[in-house]
Protein backbone atom coordinates (compact mmCIF):
# COMPACT_ATOMS: atom_id res chain seq x y z
CA MET A 1 -57.50 7.62 -99.85
CA ASN A 2 -58.69 4.39 -100.64
CA SER A 3 -59.73 5.08 -104.42
CA LYS A 4 -62.01 2.62 -104.68
CA ILE A 5 -65.07 3.65 -103.37
CA ARG A 6 -67.25 0.78 -100.82
CA VAL A 7 -71.24 0.41 -100.72
CA LEU A 8 -73.31 -1.20 -97.93
CA PHE A 9 -76.42 -2.21 -99.48
CA VAL A 10 -79.11 -3.11 -96.27
CA ASP A 11 -81.78 -5.47 -97.44
CA ASP A 12 -83.98 -8.43 -95.59
CA GLU A 13 -84.52 -9.98 -98.45
CA PRO A 14 -81.41 -11.81 -100.55
CA PRO A 15 -82.59 -12.00 -103.74
CA ILE A 16 -82.77 -7.96 -103.77
CA LEU A 17 -78.77 -8.30 -101.82
CA ASN A 18 -78.36 -9.87 -105.19
CA THR A 19 -80.09 -8.09 -107.92
CA LEU A 20 -77.96 -4.94 -106.17
CA LYS A 21 -74.87 -6.72 -106.38
CA ARG A 22 -75.34 -7.75 -110.40
CA LEU A 23 -76.40 -3.90 -111.34
CA PHE A 24 -73.27 -2.55 -109.34
CA MET A 25 -70.99 -5.77 -110.75
CA ASP A 26 -69.49 -3.03 -113.10
CA CYS A 27 -69.18 -0.12 -111.57
CA GLY A 28 -66.21 -0.52 -110.35
CA PHE A 29 -67.29 -0.12 -106.64
CA ASP A 30 -66.35 -2.42 -103.35
CA ILE A 31 -69.82 -4.31 -102.54
CA LEU A 32 -70.72 -5.70 -99.37
CA THR A 33 -74.15 -6.53 -98.13
CA ALA A 34 -76.51 -6.98 -95.04
CA GLU A 35 -80.08 -8.71 -94.78
CA SER A 36 -80.41 -5.92 -91.30
CA GLY A 37 -79.70 -2.84 -89.76
CA GLU A 38 -78.46 -4.99 -86.61
CA GLU A 39 -76.07 -6.64 -89.22
CA GLY A 40 -75.27 -3.60 -91.25
CA LEU A 41 -73.75 -1.85 -88.01
CA GLU A 42 -71.78 -5.15 -87.66
CA LYS A 43 -70.15 -4.25 -91.33
CA LEU A 44 -69.36 -0.72 -90.59
CA GLU A 45 -67.73 -1.74 -87.04
CA LYS A 46 -65.51 -4.78 -89.12
CA ASP A 47 -65.04 -3.34 -92.69
CA PRO A 48 -64.10 0.29 -91.89
CA PRO A 49 -64.04 2.28 -94.05
CA VAL A 50 -67.84 2.54 -95.98
CA HIS A 51 -68.30 5.12 -98.18
CA ILE A 52 -71.73 4.68 -99.15
CA ILE A 53 -74.90 3.17 -97.65
CA VAL A 54 -78.15 1.98 -99.56
CA SER A 55 -80.41 1.20 -97.17
CA ASP A 56 -83.38 -0.40 -97.46
CA TYR A 57 -86.66 1.33 -95.18
CA ARG A 58 -89.23 -1.49 -94.77
CA MET A 59 -87.09 -3.68 -92.88
CA PRO A 60 -88.22 -5.94 -89.20
CA GLY A 61 -87.30 -5.00 -85.97
CA MET A 62 -84.76 -1.49 -87.11
CA ASN A 63 -86.10 0.34 -90.30
CA GLY A 64 -83.53 1.69 -92.28
CA VAL A 65 -84.20 5.40 -90.84
CA GLU A 66 -83.40 4.12 -87.87
CA PHE A 67 -80.07 2.18 -89.08
CA LEU A 68 -78.85 5.53 -90.83
CA LYS A 69 -80.24 7.87 -87.96
CA ILE A 70 -77.27 5.30 -85.89
CA VAL A 71 -74.84 5.52 -88.78
CA SER A 72 -75.36 9.38 -89.25
CA THR A 73 -73.98 9.53 -85.62
CA ARG A 74 -71.51 7.30 -85.55
CA TRP A 75 -70.12 7.83 -89.38
CA PRO A 76 -71.06 10.69 -90.41
CA GLU A 77 -68.67 11.24 -93.26
CA THR A 78 -70.80 8.15 -95.19
CA ILE A 79 -73.52 9.42 -98.16
CA ARG A 80 -76.48 7.56 -96.94
CA LEU A 81 -79.43 7.00 -99.29
CA VAL A 82 -82.55 4.96 -98.82
CA LEU A 83 -85.02 2.40 -100.79
CA SER A 84 -88.64 3.21 -99.77
CA GLY A 85 -91.94 2.98 -101.34
CA TYR A 86 -94.25 5.91 -101.94
CA ALA A 87 -96.08 4.80 -98.53
CA ASP A 88 -92.80 5.67 -96.74
CA THR A 89 -92.31 9.32 -98.26
CA ALA A 90 -93.34 11.30 -95.45
CA ASN A 91 -91.15 9.45 -92.85
CA VAL A 92 -87.91 9.48 -95.54
CA VAL A 93 -88.51 13.47 -96.10
CA ALA A 94 -87.98 14.44 -92.74
CA ALA A 95 -85.25 12.53 -92.48
CA ILE A 96 -83.84 13.98 -95.32
CA ASN A 97 -84.30 17.60 -93.73
CA ASP A 98 -82.97 16.22 -90.65
CA GLY A 99 -79.39 15.32 -92.60
CA GLN A 100 -79.63 11.33 -91.77
CA ILE A 101 -80.41 10.63 -95.88
CA PHE A 102 -78.92 11.96 -98.96
CA LYS A 103 -81.60 10.67 -101.27
CA PHE A 104 -84.39 8.74 -101.59
CA ILE A 105 -84.41 6.29 -104.58
CA PRO A 106 -88.28 5.08 -105.08
CA LYS A 107 -88.97 1.03 -105.74
CA PRO A 108 -89.73 -0.31 -107.82
CA TRP A 109 -86.50 1.45 -108.63
CA ASN A 110 -85.13 2.62 -112.40
CA ASP A 111 -82.25 0.43 -113.10
CA GLU A 112 -80.50 3.37 -114.41
CA ASP A 113 -81.57 6.17 -112.50
CA PHE A 114 -80.54 4.12 -109.28
CA LYS A 115 -76.91 3.56 -110.89
CA ASN A 116 -76.50 7.23 -111.45
CA ILE A 117 -77.74 8.46 -108.15
CA VAL A 118 -75.21 5.84 -106.23
CA ILE A 119 -72.57 7.47 -108.60
CA ASP A 120 -73.79 10.46 -108.16
CA ALA A 121 -73.54 9.48 -104.12
CA ALA A 122 -69.67 8.34 -104.77
CA GLU A 123 -68.68 11.99 -106.68
CA LYS A 124 -70.49 14.06 -103.21
CA TYR A 125 -68.01 11.99 -101.51
CA HIS A 126 -65.13 12.37 -103.17
CA VAL A 127 -65.35 16.17 -102.67
CA GLN A 128 -66.72 15.53 -99.15
CA GLU A 129 -62.91 13.99 -98.83
CA HIS A 130 -61.15 16.68 -100.43
CA ASN A 131 -62.81 19.44 -98.96
CA MET A 132 -61.98 17.65 -95.10
CA VAL A 133 -58.05 17.43 -96.26
CA THR A 134 -58.67 21.01 -97.49
CA LEU A 135 -59.94 22.14 -94.08
CA SER A 136 -57.16 20.43 -91.99
CA ALA A 137 -54.47 21.81 -94.39
CA TRP A 138 -55.81 25.25 -93.02
CA LYS A 139 -56.00 24.44 -89.58
CA LEU A 140 -52.04 23.52 -89.88
CA ILE A 141 -51.70 26.52 -91.60
CA GLU A 142 -53.98 28.19 -88.73
CA SER A 143 -51.23 27.03 -86.26
CA LEU A 144 -48.17 27.56 -87.77
CA PRO A 145 -45.28 29.28 -85.45
CA ILE A 146 -44.54 31.94 -88.60
CA ILE A 147 -46.59 34.83 -89.39
CA MET A 148 -48.13 34.57 -92.27
CA LEU A 149 -51.24 37.00 -94.35
CA ARG A 150 -53.29 37.25 -97.48
CA PHE A 151 -53.42 40.79 -99.04
CA ASP A 152 -55.96 40.90 -102.29
CA ILE A 153 -54.92 42.68 -105.13
CA LYS A 154 -55.74 46.29 -103.63
CA GLY A 155 -52.91 45.21 -100.86
CA ASN A 156 -56.17 44.90 -98.20
CA ILE A 157 -54.98 42.32 -95.68
CA VAL A 158 -57.90 39.46 -96.60
CA TRP A 159 -56.94 36.70 -94.29
CA MET A 160 -53.77 36.16 -91.70
CA ASN A 161 -53.02 32.75 -89.27
CA VAL A 162 -53.01 33.34 -85.28
CA LYS A 163 -49.55 34.14 -84.80
CA ALA A 164 -50.29 37.39 -87.66
CA ALA A 165 -53.08 38.23 -85.04
CA GLU A 166 -50.69 38.09 -82.43
CA VAL A 167 -48.03 39.97 -83.58
CA PHE A 168 -50.34 42.11 -84.91
CA GLY A 169 -52.89 42.49 -83.31
CA GLU A 170 -56.46 41.63 -84.85
CA GLU A 171 -57.22 45.07 -85.69
CA THR A 172 -54.94 44.15 -88.65
CA HIS A 173 -57.46 41.92 -90.51
CA ARG A 174 -58.89 44.35 -93.43
CA LYS A 175 -56.82 46.58 -93.41
CA ASN A 176 -54.69 48.01 -96.10
CA ILE A 177 -50.28 46.90 -96.23
CA SER A 178 -49.67 50.68 -96.68
CA GLU A 179 -52.15 51.22 -93.34
CA VAL A 180 -50.91 49.05 -90.85
CA LEU A 181 -47.82 47.36 -92.51
CA PRO A 182 -46.01 49.67 -94.99
CA GLU A 183 -42.64 48.18 -94.49
CA THR A 184 -43.73 45.29 -95.63
CA GLU A 185 -44.41 46.68 -99.65
CA THR A 186 -41.06 46.77 -100.91
CA VAL A 187 -41.90 42.76 -101.13
CA VAL A 188 -44.62 41.80 -101.82
CA SER A 189 -44.93 44.55 -104.93
CA SER A 190 -41.80 42.02 -106.38
CA ALA A 191 -44.03 39.39 -105.47
CA TYR A 192 -46.55 41.41 -108.33
CA GLU A 193 -43.63 41.62 -110.57
CA SER A 194 -41.84 38.62 -110.72
CA GLY A 195 -44.19 36.11 -108.87
CA GLU A 196 -42.16 35.70 -105.77
CA ALA A 197 -39.90 37.56 -103.48
CA THR A 198 -37.18 37.17 -100.47
CA LYS A 199 -36.30 40.06 -98.48
CA ILE A 200 -34.84 40.71 -94.89
CA LEU A 201 -37.04 43.48 -93.37
CA LEU A 202 -37.38 45.39 -90.43
CA VAL A 203 -40.87 45.33 -89.28
CA ARG A 204 -42.23 47.38 -86.59
CA GLY A 205 -38.89 47.31 -84.81
CA ARG A 206 -38.48 43.82 -85.16
CA ARG A 207 -36.15 41.17 -88.49
CA TYR A 208 -37.62 39.35 -90.52
CA GLN A 209 -37.32 37.29 -93.27
CA ALA A 210 -39.70 38.47 -95.63
CA ASP A 211 -41.40 35.96 -98.11
CA ALA A 212 -44.25 36.57 -100.78
CA ALA A 213 -45.85 34.96 -103.07
CA LEU A 214 -48.49 36.05 -106.21
CA LEU A 215 -51.39 33.77 -106.15
CA VAL A 216 -52.92 33.88 -109.82
CA LYS A 217 -56.53 31.99 -110.52
CA ASP A 218 -56.89 31.26 -114.25
CA GLY A 219 -54.62 33.63 -115.37
CA ASN A 220 -55.73 36.53 -113.45
CA LYS A 221 -53.92 38.11 -110.22
CA GLU A 222 -56.10 37.23 -107.72
CA GLY A 223 -53.69 38.38 -104.18
CA CYS A 224 -50.02 37.58 -102.45
CA VAL A 225 -49.34 35.61 -99.44
CA LEU A 226 -46.68 37.14 -97.06
CA VAL A 227 -45.06 35.04 -94.71
CA LEU A 228 -42.54 36.83 -92.08
CA ASP A 229 -39.84 34.90 -89.85
CA ASP A 230 -38.54 36.06 -87.09
CA ARG A 231 -34.72 36.44 -87.24
CA ASP A 232 -34.55 38.02 -84.06
């Protein structure tokens, strides 16, 4: 991830763009500007990635909501904000409800409030990006050709990957280890005691290398992850 957040300001009045650049010059952002929605789309094409977009509402031709609607379709990961006078509030609120816009910044704005809103948007982007990375990692785990199961502290299966479901059946989910996989209880119990454990086991007639690891959160035991690698 590029650690420096890039912000695009879109407004048809160059003096306002200059004011915005001065306002945010000490915030550590990489600042881009555009004088129309059309130019904004060109900047998004030529200078990716852009993380946050702040657009004026009232502009000749394409207004700010129309511009951000296109952005939300083509670059949905961007955080989108609109600058607008109160006369346009109804249109802006509708765009917020449609998910096209993160927040509305009223004109005239308060400098500190404006900066805090954009900083909040930057934090939202970082959280959003972390979640996307986490989701990608879980998708990878789901597709691994080895069996993976997660148990809660009571020994109930609370998650399993695709391979586990193929081998043991979907109905195994939510059942207790003692009921459906009693052969694995010894290695899981050892992991609860020592943090991790490894053992060769015979599970439902097949030989597996079983690796179990304790899950801990805030100092409390939360459960266990079990990986079974087929050795037959």
